[in-house]
Amino acid sequence: MEFHRGRLIDHVHLRVADVAASKRFYRAVLRNKCTPGSCSSPH
């Protein structure tokens, strides 16, 4: 794997046991971190 300084990570894949609980958790966390136009809408 190569290291590229200044590159953007735009996708992360996570495996979880409880998809519904994970969606609730990440939506709650990202709700407070995103500003209009800076985050994609939740799937």
PDB file of N, CA and C in Angstrom:
ATOM      1  N   MET A   1       0.838  -1.177   0.000  1.00  0.00           N
ATOM      2  CA  MET A   1       0.000   0.000   0.000  1.00  0.00           C
ATOM      3  C   MET A   1       0.884   1.241   0.000  1.00  0.00           C
ATOM      4  N   GLU A   2       0.590   2.179  -0.862  1.00  0.00           N
ATOM      5  CA  GLU A   2       1.359   3.405  -0.954  1.00  0.00           C
ATOM      6  C   GLU A   2       0.737   4.496  -0.091  1.00  0.00           C
ATOM      7  N   PHE A   3       1.567   5.348   0.447  1.00  0.00           N
ATOM      8  CA  PHE A   3       1.115   6.496   1.215  1.00  0.00           C
ATOM      9  C   PHE A   3       1.126   7.716   0.315  1.00  0.00           C
ATOM     10  N   HIS A   4       0.020   8.413   0.229  1.00  0.00           N
ATOM     11  CA  HIS A   4      -0.089   9.621  -0.583  1.00  0.00           C
ATOM     12  C   HIS A   4      -0.492  10.785   0.316  1.00  0.00           C
ATOM     13  N   ARG A   5       0.404  11.693   0.542  1.00  0.00           N
ATOM     14  CA  ARG A   5       0.131  12.855   1.397  1.00  0.00           C
ATOM     15  C   ARG A   5      -0.897  13.760   0.733  1.00  0.00           C
ATOM     16  N   GLY A   6      -1.899  14.196   1.514  1.00  0.00           N
ATOM     17  CA  GLY A   6      -2.885  15.125   1.012  1.00  0.00           C
ATOM     18  C   GLY A   6      -4.059  14.479   0.281  1.00  0.00           C
ATOM     19  N   ARG A   7      -4.149  13.178   0.276  1.00  0.00           N
ATOM     20  CA  ARG A   7      -5.257  12.502  -0.399  1.00  0.00           C
ATOM     21  C   ARG A   7      -6.474  12.439   0.526  1.00  0.00           C
ATOM     22  N   LEU A   8      -7.635  12.401  -0.067  1.00  0.00           N
ATOM     23  CA  LEU A   8      -8.890  12.365   0.677  1.00  0.00           C
ATOM     24  C   LEU A   8      -9.416  10.942   0.740  1.00  0.00           C
ATOM     25  N   ILE A   9      -9.861  10.517   1.912  1.00  0.00           N
ATOM     26  CA  ILE A   9     -10.520   9.220   2.061  1.00  0.00           C
ATOM     27  C   ILE A   9     -12.009   9.481   1.894  1.00  0.00           C
ATOM     28  N   ASP A  10     -12.614   8.902   0.857  1.00  0.00           N
ATOM     29  CA  ASP A  10     -14.029   9.180   0.625  1.00  0.00           C
ATOM     30  C   ASP A  10     -14.930   7.974   0.858  1.00  0.00           C
ATOM     31  N   HIS A  11     -14.351   6.804   1.116  1.00  0.00           N
ATOM     32  CA  HIS A  11     -15.155   5.622   1.407  1.00  0.00           C
ATOM     33  C   HIS A  11     -14.482   4.785   2.487  1.00  0.00           C
ATOM     34  N   VAL A  12     -15.274   4.292   3.410  1.00  0.00           N
ATOM     35  CA  VAL A  12     -14.789   3.379   4.441  1.00  0.00           C
ATOM     36  C   VAL A  12     -15.806   2.259   4.557  1.00  0.00           C
ATOM     37  N   HIS A  13     -15.337   1.030   4.566  1.00  0.00           N
ATOM     38  CA  HIS A  13     -16.229  -0.122   4.700  1.00  0.00           C
ATOM     39  C   HIS A  13     -16.081  -0.699   6.099  1.00  0.00           C
ATOM     40  N   LEU A  14     -17.195  -0.821   6.813  1.00  0.00           N
ATOM     41  CA  LEU A  14     -17.196  -1.393   8.153  1.00  0.00           C
ATOM     42  C   LEU A  14     -18.138  -2.588   8.186  1.00  0.00           C
ATOM     43  N   ARG A  15     -17.709  -3.658   8.807  1.00  0.00           N
ATOM     44  CA  ARG A  15     -18.585  -4.815   8.998  1.00  0.00           C
ATOM     45  C   ARG A  15     -19.136  -4.741  10.417  1.00  0.00           C
ATOM     46  N   VAL A  16     -20.431  -4.903  10.544  1.00  0.00           N
ATOM     47  CA  VAL A  16     -21.073  -4.810  11.853  1.00  0.00           C
ATOM     48  C   VAL A  16     -22.047  -5.972  12.037  1.00  0.00           C
ATOM     49  N   ALA A  17     -22.337  -6.291  13.281  1.00  0.00           N
ATOM     50  CA  ALA A  17     -23.273  -7.367  13.589  1.00  0.00           C
ATOM     51  C   ALA A  17     -24.716  -6.871  13.541  1.00  0.00           C
ATOM     52  N   ASP A  18     -24.943  -5.623  13.934  1.00  0.00           N
ATOM     53  CA  ASP A  18     -26.298  -5.067  13.989  1.00  0.00           C
ATOM     54  C   ASP A  18     -26.340  -3.798  13.135  1.00  0.00           C
ATOM     55  N   VAL A  19     -26.819  -3.936  11.898  1.00  0.00           N
ATOM     56  CA  VAL A  19     -26.817  -2.820  10.949  1.00  0.00           C
ATOM     57  C   VAL A  19     -27.698  -1.676  11.438  1.00  0.00           C
ATOM     58  N   ALA A  20     -28.875  -1.978  11.948  1.00  0.00           N
ATOM     59  CA  ALA A  20     -29.786  -0.924  12.409  1.00  0.00           C
ATOM     60  C   ALA A  20     -29.172  -0.117  13.548  1.00  0.00           C
ATOM     61  N   ALA A  21     -28.563  -0.787  14.506  1.00  0.00           N
ATOM     62  CA  ALA A  21     -27.926  -0.088  15.630  1.00  0.00           C
ATOM     63  C   ALA A  21     -26.749   0.752  15.148  1.00  0.00           C
ATOM     64  N   SER A  22     -25.991   0.234  14.191  1.00  0.00           N
ATOM     65  CA  SER A  22     -24.853   0.972  13.655  1.00  0.00           C
ATOM     66  C   SER A  22     -25.310   2.231  12.922  1.00  0.00           C
ATOM     67  N   LYS A  23     -26.380   2.127  12.144  1.00  0.00           N
ATOM     68  CA  LYS A  23     -26.917   3.305  11.446  1.00  0.00           C
ATOM     69  C   LYS A  23     -27.369   4.362  12.444  1.00  0.00           C
ATOM     70  N   ARG A  24     -28.055   3.936  13.504  1.00  0.00           N
ATOM     71  CA  ARG A  24     -28.498   4.906  14.523  1.00  0.00           C
ATOM     72  C   ARG A  24     -27.292   5.600  15.155  1.00  0.00           C
ATOM     73  N   PHE A  25     -26.278   4.831  15.487  1.00  0.00           N
ATOM     74  CA  PHE A  25     -25.087   5.390  16.121  1.00  0.00           C
ATOM     75  C   PHE A  25     -24.395   6.401  15.219  1.00  0.00           C
ATOM     76  N   TYR A  26     -24.081   6.001  13.983  1.00  0.00           N
ATOM     77  CA  TYR A  26     -23.340   6.896  13.099  1.00  0.00           C
ATOM     78  C   TYR A  26     -24.156   8.104  12.668  1.00  0.00           C
ATOM     79  N   ARG A  27     -25.446   7.947  12.505  1.00  0.00           N
ATOM     80  CA  ARG A  27     -26.282   9.116  12.191  1.00  0.00           C
ATOM     81  C   ARG A  27     -26.276  10.097  13.344  1.00  0.00           C
ATOM     82  N   ALA A  28     -26.348   9.595  14.580  1.00  0.00           N
ATOM     83  CA  ALA A  28     -26.316  10.478  15.751  1.00  0.00           C
ATOM     84  C   ALA A  28     -24.978  11.200  15.848  1.00  0.00           C
ATOM     85  N   VAL A  29     -23.882  10.493  15.599  1.00  0.00           N
ATOM     86  CA  VAL A  29     -22.554  11.109  15.667  1.00  0.00           C
ATOM     87  C   VAL A  29     -22.389  12.144  14.561  1.00  0.00           C
ATOM     88  N   LEU A  30     -22.740  11.772  13.331  1.00  0.00           N
ATOM     89  CA  LEU A  30     -22.529  12.675  12.196  1.00  0.00           C
ATOM     90  C   LEU A  30     -23.504  13.846  12.183  1.00  0.00           C
ATOM     91  N   ARG A  31     -24.639  13.701  12.800  1.00  0.00           N
ATOM     92  CA  ARG A  31     -25.610  14.798  12.869  1.00  0.00           C
ATOM     93  C   ARG A  31     -24.969  16.025  13.508  1.00  0.00           C
ATOM     94  N   ASN A  32     -24.095  15.801  14.481  1.00  0.00           N
ATOM     95  CA  ASN A  32     -23.448  16.908  15.185  1.00  0.00           C
ATOM     96  C   ASN A  32     -22.159  17.369  14.528  1.00  0.00           C
ATOM     97  N   LYS A  33     -21.626  16.623  13.580  1.00  0.00           N
ATOM     98  CA  LYS A  33     -20.349  16.957  12.956  1.00  0.00           C
ATOM     99  C   LYS A  33     -20.501  17.609  11.587  1.00  0.00           C
ATOM    100  N   CYS A  34     -21.609  17.402  10.917  1.00  0.00           N
ATOM    101  CA  CYS A  34     -21.773  17.890   9.549  1.00  0.00           C
ATOM    102  C   CYS A  34     -22.482  19.235   9.507  1.00  0.00           C
ATOM    103  N   THR A  35     -22.052  20.044   8.572  1.00  0.00           N
ATOM    104  CA  THR A  35     -22.733  21.297   8.296  1.00  0.00           C
ATOM    105  C   THR A  35     -23.362  21.187   6.912  1.00  0.00           C
ATOM    106  N   PRO A  36     -24.347  21.969   6.602  1.00  0.00           N
ATOM    107  CA  PRO A  36     -24.983  21.878   5.276  1.00  0.00           C
ATOM    108  C   PRO A  36     -23.933  21.990   4.169  1.00  0.00           C
ATOM    109  N   GLY A  37     -23.952  21.007   3.275  1.00  0.00           N
ATOM    110  CA  GLY A  37     -23.028  20.988   2.155  1.00  0.00           C
ATOM    111  C   GLY A  37     -21.726  20.277   2.411  1.00  0.00           C
ATOM    112  N   SER A  38     -21.436  19.897   3.676  1.00  0.00           N
ATOM    113  CA  SER A  38     -20.162  19.252   3.945  1.00  0.00           C
ATOM    114  C   SER A  38     -20.262  17.734   4.044  1.00  0.00           C
ATOM    115  N   CYS A  39     -21.447  17.195   4.206  1.00  0.00           N
ATOM    116  CA  CYS A  39     -21.619  15.746   4.342  1.00  0.00           C
ATOM    117  C   CYS A  39     -22.723  15.265   3.414  1.00  0.00           C
ATOM    118  N   SER A  40     -22.588  14.031   2.983  1.00  0.00           N
ATOM    119  CA  SER A  40     -23.630  13.428   2.161  1.00  0.00           C
ATOM    120  C   SER A  40     -24.828  13.093   3.034  1.00  0.00           C
ATOM    121  N   SER A  41     -25.977  12.984   2.413  1.00  0.00           N
ATOM    122  CA  SER A  41     -27.162  12.582   3.167  1.00  0.00           C
ATOM    123  C   SER A  41     -27.032  11.116   3.549  1.00  0.00           C
ATOM    124  N   PRO A  42     -27.555  10.703   4.726  1.00  0.00           N
ATOM    125  CA  PRO A  42     -27.460   9.304   5.160  1.00  0.00           C
ATOM    126  C   PRO A  42     -28.236   8.392   4.217  1.00  0.00           C
ATOM    127  N   HIS A  43     -27.736   7.176   4.025  1.00  0.00           N
ATOM    128  CA  HIS A  43     -28.382   6.207   3.143  1.00  0.00           C
ATOM    129  C   HIS A  43     -29.436   5.473   3.890  1.00  0.00           C
TER     130      HIS A  43
END
